[in-house]
Amino acid sequence: MNLKLKIWRQDETSGAGRFKDYEIRDVSPDSSFLEMLDLLNEKLVEAGESPVAFDSDCREGVCGMCSLTINGVPHGGHRGTTTCQLHMRSFNDGDTITIEPFRANAFPVLRDLVVDRGGFDEIIQAGGFITCRTGSSQDANEVPIPKPVADDAFDFAACIGCGACVAACKNASAMLFTGAKVAHLNTLPQGKAEKDRRTLAMVAKMDDAGFGNCRNYGECSAACPKEIPLDVIAKMNRDYAVASVKGIIGK
């Protein structure tokens, strides 16, 4: 395959970025999108040019590092697929592919296609934990969890924190990400002790980090490579309302 690439190049956060055109030839249809970028970078290095900076790690759709917007859609628009799982056979010979970083004020560009998603880390630090005793390990059957509850918790925990939901949202909202993390821990009996404090803290940190408000467009769930449902937002809103009322009564 022979392809034309329009890639966003930016030296630093405060610098002015721009799209730069590249051509790449003899790309295998069976190669992944990131392997195609690796091939481009090899050719750029051989030519004495600066390689394109982009994030990647596991390349198995697990870590969420491959945060690229491809032809205007986070991760390329294939449902349930991360950028590293996207293969070049999804494109046609001679196509022009536009590649840019996730766009959001809360995700400042560090260089080229790399963005700072530290805001997600701050949200997790605010309440993404449970209280557990130290010492000997707890017996697995000590806290029985009904299968429907366990299944829901596993579905919510599938979020990999890639940031596609933020990039797809017109308001750059992190409600789907935060809702998934809150719902995961609030659903399990081990997380009930911090439920109210967790919900209030994580929502407050989400706002402080500069993410926008949810307008129920649904683009976040559509772009999510793990197909996290919008139900997590509704659940978080309910938990937040209950926690807020308890806080007012307790004063």
C-alpha atoms as a PDB file:
ATOM      1  CA  MET A   1       0.000   0.000   0.000  1.00  0.00           C
ATOM      2  CA  ASN A   2       1.104   3.538  -0.778  1.00  0.00           C
ATOM      3  CA  LEU A   3      -0.298   6.223   1.506  1.00  0.00           C
ATOM      4  CA  LYS A   4      -0.191   9.966   2.054  1.00  0.00           C
ATOM      5  CA  LEU A   5      -0.035  11.104   5.669  1.00  0.00           C
ATOM      6  CA  LYS A   6      -0.902  14.484   7.160  1.00  0.00           C
ATOM      7  CA  ILE A   7       0.644  14.418  10.638  1.00  0.00           C
ATOM      8  CA  TRP A   8       0.507  17.076  13.347  1.00  0.00           C
ATOM      9  CA  ARG A   9       4.012  18.192  14.303  1.00  0.00           C
ATOM     10  CA  GLN A  10       4.585  20.330  17.386  1.00  0.00           C
ATOM     11  CA  ASP A  11       7.902  20.777  19.195  1.00  0.00           C
ATOM     12  CA  GLU A  12       6.531  21.720  22.622  1.00  0.00           C
ATOM     13  CA  THR A  13       3.343  22.624  24.494  1.00  0.00           C
ATOM     14  CA  SER A  14       3.711  26.365  24.003  1.00  0.00           C
ATOM     15  CA  GLY A  15       4.897  26.078  20.399  1.00  0.00           C
ATOM     16  CA  ALA A  16       2.793  26.521  17.294  1.00  0.00           C
ATOM     17  CA  GLY A  17       2.039  23.210  15.657  1.00  0.00           C
ATOM     18  CA  ARG A  18       1.173  22.454  12.046  1.00  0.00           C
ATOM     19  CA  PHE A  19       0.339  19.557   9.777  1.00  0.00           C
ATOM     20  CA  LYS A  20       3.191  18.145   7.727  1.00  0.00           C
ATOM     21  CA  ASP A  21       2.758  15.930   4.684  1.00  0.00           C
ATOM     22  CA  TYR A  22       4.537  12.602   4.280  1.00  0.00           C
ATOM     23  CA  GLU A  23       4.373   9.783   1.785  1.00  0.00           C
ATOM     24  CA  ILE A  24       4.981   6.161   2.697  1.00  0.00           C
ATOM     25  CA  ARG A  25       5.205   3.252   0.306  1.00  0.00           C
ATOM     26  CA  ASP A  26       4.991  -0.528   0.424  1.00  0.00           C
ATOM     27  CA  VAL A  27       3.002  -0.724   3.646  1.00  0.00           C
ATOM     28  CA  SER A  28       1.695  -4.199   4.395  1.00  0.00           C
ATOM     29  CA  PRO A  29      -2.103  -4.336   4.792  1.00  0.00           C
ATOM     30  CA  ASP A  30      -1.535  -6.712   7.709  1.00  0.00           C
ATOM     31  CA  SER A  31       0.585  -4.248   9.687  1.00  0.00           C
ATOM     32  CA  SER A  32      -0.979  -2.296  12.527  1.00  0.00           C
ATOM     33  CA  PHE A  33      -1.361   1.475  12.450  1.00  0.00           C
ATOM     34  CA  LEU A  34       1.476   1.911  14.940  1.00  0.00           C
ATOM     35  CA  GLU A  35       3.723  -0.386  12.937  1.00  0.00           C
ATOM     36  CA  MET A  36       3.072   1.864   9.963  1.00  0.00           C
ATOM     37  CA  LEU A  37       4.214   4.854  12.050  1.00  0.00           C
ATOM     38  CA  ASP A  38       7.283   2.876  13.136  1.00  0.00           C
ATOM     39  CA  LEU A  39       8.125   2.315   9.482  1.00  0.00           C
ATOM     40  CA  LEU A  40       7.699   6.033   8.766  1.00  0.00           C
ATOM     41  CA  ASN A  41       9.975   6.932  11.673  1.00  0.00           C
ATOM     42  CA  GLU A  42      12.659   4.532  10.463  1.00  0.00           C
ATOM     43  CA  LYS A  43      12.668   6.293   7.113  1.00  0.00           C
ATOM     44  CA  LEU A  44      12.731   9.738   8.778  1.00  0.00           C
ATOM     45  CA  VAL A  45      15.712   8.762  10.937  1.00  0.00           C
ATOM     46  CA  GLU A  46      17.544   7.393   7.899  1.00  0.00           C
ATOM     47  CA  ALA A  47      16.933  10.727   6.175  1.00  0.00           C
ATOM     48  CA  GLY A  48      18.267  12.647   9.177  1.00  0.00           C
ATOM     49  CA  GLU A  49      14.864  14.042  10.147  1.00  0.00           C
ATOM     50  CA  SER A  50      13.171  14.088  13.537  1.00  0.00           C
ATOM     51  CA  PRO A  51      10.869  11.081  14.088  1.00  0.00           C
ATOM     52  CA  VAL A  52       7.206  11.566  14.918  1.00  0.00           C
ATOM     53  CA  ALA A  53       6.597  11.325  18.667  1.00  0.00           C
ATOM     54  CA  PHE A  54       3.602   9.199  19.686  1.00  0.00           C
ATOM     55  CA  ASP A  55       2.601   7.169  22.732  1.00  0.00           C
ATOM     56  CA  SER A  56       2.468   3.372  22.774  1.00  0.00           C
ATOM     57  CA  ASP A  57       3.106   0.563  25.215  1.00  0.00           C
ATOM     58  CA  CYS A  58       1.367  -2.816  25.221  1.00  0.00           C
ATOM     59  CA  ARG A  59       0.098  -2.634  21.624  1.00  0.00           C
ATOM     60  CA  GLU A  60      -2.575  -5.150  22.607  1.00  0.00           C
ATOM     61  CA  GLY A  61      -5.491  -2.812  23.339  1.00  0.00           C
ATOM     62  CA  VAL A  62      -4.989  -2.962  27.096  1.00  0.00           C
ATOM     63  CA  CYS A  63      -2.936   0.023  28.291  1.00  0.00           C
ATOM     64  CA  GLY A  64      -4.731   2.920  26.554  1.00  0.00           C
ATOM     65  CA  MET A  65      -1.516   4.728  25.591  1.00  0.00           C
ATOM     66  CA  CYS A  66      -2.142   4.884  21.816  1.00  0.00           C
ATOM     67  CA  SER A  67      -4.057   8.160  21.912  1.00  0.00           C
ATOM     68  CA  LEU A  68      -4.338   9.212  18.269  1.00  0.00           C
ATOM     69  CA  THR A  69      -7.098  10.952  16.356  1.00  0.00           C
ATOM     70  CA  ILE A  70      -7.268   9.407  12.890  1.00  0.00           C
ATOM     71  CA  ASN A  71      -9.258  11.163  10.169  1.00  0.00           C
ATOM     72  CA  GLY A  72     -11.022  13.201  12.845  1.00  0.00           C
ATOM     73  CA  VAL A  73     -12.070  10.255  15.033  1.00  0.00           C
ATOM     74  CA  PRO A  74     -10.295   9.020  18.203  1.00  0.00           C
ATOM     75  CA  HIS A  75      -8.692   5.606  17.533  1.00  0.00           C
ATOM     76  CA  GLY A  76      -9.920   5.685  13.934  1.00  0.00           C
ATOM     77  CA  GLY A  77     -13.620   5.059  14.455  1.00  0.00           C
ATOM     78  CA  HIS A  78     -13.747   1.251  14.390  1.00  0.00           C
ATOM     79  CA  ARG A  79     -16.029   0.235  17.240  1.00  0.00           C
ATOM     80  CA  GLY A  80     -14.314  -1.467  20.148  1.00  0.00           C
ATOM     81  CA  THR A  81     -10.858  -0.912  18.627  1.00  0.00           C
ATOM     82  CA  THR A  82      -7.835   0.983  19.912  1.00  0.00           C
ATOM     83  CA  THR A  83      -5.297   2.578  17.573  1.00  0.00           C
ATOM     84  CA  CYS A  84      -2.817  -0.252  18.128  1.00  0.00           C
ATOM     85  CA  GLN A  85      -5.494  -2.785  17.113  1.00  0.00           C
ATOM     86  CA  LEU A  86      -6.316  -0.877  13.923  1.00  0.00           C
ATOM     87  CA  HIS A  87      -4.783  -2.518  10.838  1.00  0.00           C
ATOM     88  CA  MET A  88      -3.858  -0.896   7.561  1.00  0.00           C
ATOM     89  CA  ARG A  89      -6.265  -3.135   5.658  1.00  0.00           C
ATOM     90  CA  SER A  90      -8.940  -0.778   6.984  1.00  0.00           C
ATOM     91  CA  PHE A  91      -7.638   1.812   4.501  1.00  0.00           C
ATOM     92  CA  ASN A  92      -7.331   1.827   0.723  1.00  0.00           C
ATOM     93  CA  ASP A  93      -4.229   2.137  -1.400  1.00  0.00           C
ATOM     94  CA  GLY A  94      -3.595   5.816  -2.149  1.00  0.00           C
ATOM     95  CA  ASP A  95      -5.618   7.116   0.806  1.00  0.00           C
ATOM     96  CA  THR A  96      -4.696  10.321   2.603  1.00  0.00           C
ATOM     97  CA  ILE A  97      -4.752   9.798   6.378  1.00  0.00           C
ATOM     98  CA  THR A  98      -4.858  12.712   8.811  1.00  0.00           C
ATOM     99  CA  ILE A  99      -3.241  11.984  12.174  1.00  0.00           C
ATOM    100  CA  GLU A 100      -3.381  14.361  15.121  1.00  0.00           C
ATOM    101  CA  PRO A 101      -3.318  14.212  18.939  1.00  0.00           C
ATOM    102  CA  PHE A 102      -6.365  14.075  21.180  1.00  0.00           C
ATOM    103  CA  ARG A 103      -7.757  17.622  21.318  1.00  0.00           C
ATOM    104  CA  ALA A 104      -8.789  18.955  24.747  1.00  0.00           C
ATOM    105  CA  ASN A 105      -7.651  21.824  26.957  1.00  0.00           C
ATOM    106  CA  ALA A 106      -7.176  19.318  29.774  1.00  0.00           C
ATOM    107  CA  PHE A 107      -4.859  17.274  27.495  1.00  0.00           C
ATOM    108  CA  PRO A 108      -2.082  19.723  26.534  1.00  0.00           C
ATOM    109  CA  VAL A 109       0.160  18.590  23.690  1.00  0.00           C
ATOM    110  CA  LEU A 110       3.660  17.726  24.883  1.00  0.00           C
ATOM    111  CA  ARG A 111       5.137  17.015  21.465  1.00  0.00           C
ATOM    112  CA  ASP A 112       3.708  15.995  18.096  1.00  0.00           C
ATOM    113  CA  LEU A 113       1.047  13.354  18.882  1.00  0.00           C
ATOM    114  CA  VAL A 114       1.824  13.018  22.610  1.00  0.00           C
ATOM    115  CA  VAL A 115      -0.535  14.637  25.118  1.00  0.00           C
ATOM    116  CA  ASP A 116      -0.418  14.992  28.892  1.00  0.00           C
ATOM    117  CA  ARG A 117      -3.254  12.949  30.418  1.00  0.00           C
ATOM    118  CA  GLY A 118      -2.180  13.673  33.973  1.00  0.00           C
ATOM    119  CA  GLY A 119      -5.683  14.925  34.732  1.00  0.00           C
ATOM    120  CA  PHE A 120      -6.882  11.323  34.680  1.00  0.00           C
ATOM    121  CA  ASP A 121      -4.197  10.389  37.206  1.00  0.00           C
ATOM    122  CA  GLU A 122      -5.381  13.165  39.525  1.00  0.00           C
ATOM    123  CA  ILE A 123      -8.963  11.887  39.349  1.00  0.00           C
ATOM    124  CA  ILE A 124      -7.832   8.360  40.220  1.00  0.00           C
ATOM    125  CA  GLN A 125      -5.698   9.624  43.112  1.00  0.00           C
ATOM    126  CA  ALA A 126      -8.693  11.507  44.506  1.00  0.00           C
ATOM    127  CA  GLY A 127     -10.723   8.368  45.186  1.00  0.00           C
ATOM    128  CA  GLY A 128      -9.681   5.355  43.153  1.00  0.00           C
ATOM    129  CA  PHE A 129      -8.960   3.139  46.135  1.00  0.00           C
ATOM    130  CA  ILE A 130     -10.663   1.078  48.824  1.00  0.00           C
ATOM    131  CA  THR A 131      -9.933   0.518  52.513  1.00  0.00           C
ATOM    132  CA  CYS A 132      -8.511  -2.912  53.211  1.00  0.00           C
ATOM    133  CA  ARG A 133      -6.934  -4.485  56.266  1.00  0.00           C
ATOM    134  CA  THR A 134      -3.273  -5.353  56.343  1.00  0.00           C
ATOM    135  CA  GLY A 135      -1.866  -8.669  57.430  1.00  0.00           C
ATOM    136  CA  SER A 136      -3.025 -12.038  56.207  1.00  0.00           C
ATOM    137  CA  SER A 137      -4.920 -12.180  52.936  1.00  0.00           C
ATOM    138  CA  GLN A 138      -8.694 -12.114  53.052  1.00  0.00           C
ATOM    139  CA  ASP A 139     -10.544 -15.294  52.234  1.00  0.00           C
ATOM    140  CA  ALA A 140     -11.986 -15.107  48.731  1.00  0.00           C
ATOM    141  CA  ASN A 141     -15.451 -16.175  49.890  1.00  0.00           C
ATOM    142  CA  GLU A 142     -15.609 -13.916  52.945  1.00  0.00           C
ATOM    143  CA  VAL A 143     -17.567 -11.238  51.082  1.00  0.00           C
ATOM    144  CA  PRO A 144     -20.058 -12.965  48.761  1.00  0.00           C
ATOM    145  CA  ILE A 145     -20.713 -10.921  45.629  1.00  0.00           C
ATOM    146  CA  PRO A 146     -23.752 -11.763  43.488  1.00  0.00           C
ATOM    147  CA  LYS A 147     -22.778 -12.586  39.912  1.00  0.00           C
ATOM    148  CA  PRO A 148     -24.802  -9.713  38.332  1.00  0.00           C
ATOM    149  CA  VAL A 149     -22.989  -7.260  40.615  1.00  0.00           C
ATOM    150  CA  ALA A 150     -19.603  -8.782  39.797  1.00  0.00           C
ATOM    151  CA  ASP A 151     -20.385  -8.711  36.079  1.00  0.00           C
ATOM    152  CA  ASP A 152     -21.315  -5.014  36.245  1.00  0.00           C
ATOM    153  CA  ALA A 153     -18.138  -4.194  38.173  1.00  0.00           C
ATOM    154  CA  PHE A 154     -16.011  -6.040  35.606  1.00  0.00           C
ATOM    155  CA  ASP A 155     -17.723  -4.149  32.757  1.00  0.00           C
ATOM    156  CA  PHE A 156     -17.061  -0.792  34.456  1.00  0.00           C
ATOM    157  CA  ALA A 157     -13.459  -1.764  35.232  1.00  0.00           C
ATOM    158  CA  ALA A 158     -12.805  -2.388  31.526  1.00  0.00           C
ATOM    159  CA  CYS A 159     -12.045   1.332  31.064  1.00  0.00           C
ATOM    160  CA  ILE A 160      -8.369   1.708  30.090  1.00  0.00           C
ATOM    161  CA  GLY A 161      -8.181   5.479  30.595  1.00  0.00           C
ATOM    162  CA  CYS A 162      -7.129   6.231  27.020  1.00  0.00           C
ATOM    163  CA  GLY A 163      -8.987   9.560  26.875  1.00  0.00           C
ATOM    164  CA  ALA A 164     -10.952   8.889  23.688  1.00  0.00           C
ATOM    165  CA  CYS A 165     -14.137   9.898  25.503  1.00  0.00           C
ATOM    166  CA  VAL A 166     -12.673  13.339  26.242  1.00  0.00           C
ATOM    167  CA  ALA A 167     -11.353  13.781  22.703  1.00  0.00           C
ATOM    168  CA  ALA A 168     -14.709  12.806  21.161  1.00  0.00           C
ATOM    169  CA  CYS A 169     -16.791  15.087  23.396  1.00  0.00           C
ATOM    170  CA  LYS A 170     -17.542  18.624  22.177  1.00  0.00           C
ATOM    171  CA  ASN A 171     -17.140  19.818  25.775  1.00  0.00           C
ATOM    172  CA  ALA A 172     -14.070  17.661  26.499  1.00  0.00           C
ATOM    173  CA  SER A 173     -15.975  16.016  29.337  1.00  0.00           C
ATOM    174  CA  ALA A 174     -14.420  13.234  31.405  1.00  0.00           C
ATOM    175  CA  MET A 175     -17.751  12.031  32.776  1.00  0.00           C
ATOM    176  CA  LEU A 176     -17.546   8.611  31.092  1.00  0.00           C
ATOM    177  CA  PHE A 177     -14.039   7.949  32.442  1.00  0.00           C
ATOM    178  CA  THR A 178     -14.852   9.226  35.942  1.00  0.00           C
ATOM    179  CA  GLY A 179     -18.209   7.463  35.930  1.00  0.00           C
ATOM    180  CA  ALA A 180     -16.567   4.149  35.026  1.00  0.00           C
ATOM    181  CA  LYS A 181     -14.026   4.449  37.852  1.00  0.00           C
ATOM    182  CA  VAL A 182     -16.652   5.522  40.393  1.00  0.00           C
ATOM    183  CA  ALA A 183     -19.147   2.853  39.311  1.00  0.00           C
ATOM    184  CA  HIS A 184     -16.519   0.113  39.396  1.00  0.00           C
ATOM    185  CA  LEU A 185     -15.621   0.686  43.061  1.00  0.00           C
ATOM    186  CA  ASN A 186     -19.027   1.847  44.291  1.00  0.00           C
ATOM    187  CA  THR A 187     -20.687  -1.290  42.915  1.00  0.00           C
ATOM    188  CA  LEU A 188     -18.553  -3.725  44.920  1.00  0.00           C
ATOM    189  CA  PRO A 189     -19.193  -4.249  48.662  1.00  0.00           C
ATOM    190  CA  GLN A 190     -15.492  -3.604  49.387  1.00  0.00           C
ATOM    191  CA  GLY A 191     -15.880  -0.086  48.053  1.00  0.00           C
ATOM    192  CA  LYS A 192     -19.023   0.896  49.953  1.00  0.00           C
ATOM    193  CA  ALA A 193     -17.113   2.397  52.906  1.00  0.00           C
ATOM    194  CA  GLU A 194     -15.696   5.262  50.815  1.00  0.00           C
ATOM    195  CA  LYS A 195     -18.622   5.500  48.384  1.00  0.00           C
ATOM    196  CA  ASP A 196     -19.818   9.001  49.264  1.00  0.00           C
ATOM    197  CA  ARG A 197     -16.364  10.475  49.872  1.00  0.00           C
ATOM    198  CA  ARG A 198     -15.013   8.880  46.711  1.00  0.00           C
ATOM    199  CA  THR A 199     -17.802  10.191  44.500  1.00  0.00           C
ATOM    200  CA  LEU A 200     -17.568  13.765  45.779  1.00  0.00           C
ATOM    201  CA  ALA A 201     -13.765  13.822  45.633  1.00  0.00           C
ATOM    202  CA  MET A 202     -13.426  12.390  42.133  1.00  0.00           C
ATOM    203  CA  VAL A 203     -16.092  14.653  40.648  1.00  0.00           C
ATOM    204  CA  ALA A 204     -14.523  17.694  42.305  1.00  0.00           C
ATOM    205  CA  LYS A 205     -11.089  16.755  40.980  1.00  0.00           C
ATOM    206  CA  MET A 206     -12.543  16.196  37.507  1.00  0.00           C
ATOM    207  CA  ASP A 207     -13.851  19.770  37.540  1.00  0.00           C
ATOM    208  CA  ASP A 208     -10.580  21.151  38.927  1.00  0.00           C
ATOM    209  CA  ALA A 209      -8.593  19.397  36.187  1.00  0.00           C
ATOM    210  CA  GLY A 210     -10.394  21.456  33.540  1.00  0.00           C
ATOM    211  CA  PHE A 211     -12.694  18.906  31.937  1.00  0.00           C
ATOM    212  CA  GLY A 212     -16.023  20.134  30.567  1.00  0.00           C
ATOM    213  CA  ASN A 213     -19.584  19.255  31.497  1.00  0.00           C
ATOM    214  CA  CYS A 214     -21.616  16.405  30.027  1.00  0.00           C
ATOM    215  CA  ARG A 215     -24.324  17.324  27.511  1.00  0.00           C
ATOM    216  CA  ASN A 216     -25.433  13.741  26.776  1.00  0.00           C
ATOM    217  CA  TYR A 217     -24.224  13.750  23.172  1.00  0.00           C
ATOM    218  CA  GLY A 218     -23.157  10.109  23.539  1.00  0.00           C
ATOM    219  CA  GLU A 219     -20.002  10.566  21.450  1.00  0.00           C
ATOM    220  CA  CYS A 220     -17.909   9.410  24.398  1.00  0.00           C
ATOM    221  CA  SER A 221     -19.411   5.940  24.540  1.00  0.00           C
ATOM    222  CA  ALA A 222     -19.377   5.624  20.753  1.00  0.00           C
ATOM    223  CA  ALA A 223     -15.628   6.390  20.631  1.00  0.00           C
ATOM    224  CA  CYS A 224     -14.718   4.278  23.667  1.00  0.00           C
ATOM    225  CA  PRO A 225     -12.626   1.279  22.555  1.00  0.00           C
ATOM    226  CA  LYS A 226     -13.985  -0.731  25.507  1.00  0.00           C
ATOM    227  CA  GLU A 227     -17.586   0.351  24.829  1.00  0.00           C
ATOM    228  CA  ILE A 228     -18.238   1.648  28.338  1.00  0.00           C
ATOM    229  CA  PRO A 229     -21.992   2.389  28.462  1.00  0.00           C
ATOM    230  CA  LEU A 230     -23.502   5.773  29.271  1.00  0.00           C
ATOM    231  CA  ASP A 231     -25.147   4.086  32.269  1.00  0.00           C
ATOM    232  CA  VAL A 232     -22.005   4.816  34.311  1.00  0.00           C
ATOM    233  CA  ILE A 233     -22.674   8.555  34.028  1.00  0.00           C
ATOM    234  CA  ALA A 234     -26.233   8.167  35.279  1.00  0.00           C
ATOM    235  CA  LYS A 235     -25.025   5.986  38.145  1.00  0.00           C
ATOM    236  CA  MET A 236     -22.364   8.510  39.114  1.00  0.00           C
ATOM    237  CA  ASN A 237     -24.898  11.344  39.025  1.00  0.00           C
ATOM    238  CA  ARG A 238     -27.184   9.402  41.368  1.00  0.00           C
ATOM    239  CA  ASP A 239     -24.329   8.606  43.746  1.00  0.00           C
ATOM    240  CA  TYR A 240     -23.210  12.244  43.655  1.00  0.00           C
ATOM    241  CA  ALA A 241     -26.720  13.501  44.470  1.00  0.00           C
ATOM    242  CA  VAL A 242     -27.044  11.115  47.421  1.00  0.00           C
ATOM    243  CA  ALA A 243     -23.582  11.982  48.731  1.00  0.00           C
ATOM    244  CA  SER A 244     -24.297  15.716  48.429  1.00  0.00           C
ATOM    245  CA  VAL A 245     -27.555  15.405  50.374  1.00  0.00           C
ATOM    246  CA  LYS A 246     -25.837  13.381  53.107  1.00  0.00           C
ATOM    247  CA  GLY A 247     -23.162  16.070  53.343  1.00  0.00           C
ATOM    248  CA  ILE A 248     -25.755  18.810  53.759  1.00  0.00           C
ATOM    249  CA  ILE A 249     -27.695  16.864  56.406  1.00  0.00           C
ATOM    250  CA  GLY A 250     -24.509  16.029  58.269  1.00  0.00           C
ATOM    251  CA  LYS A 251     -23.551  19.672  58.702  1.00  0.00           C
END
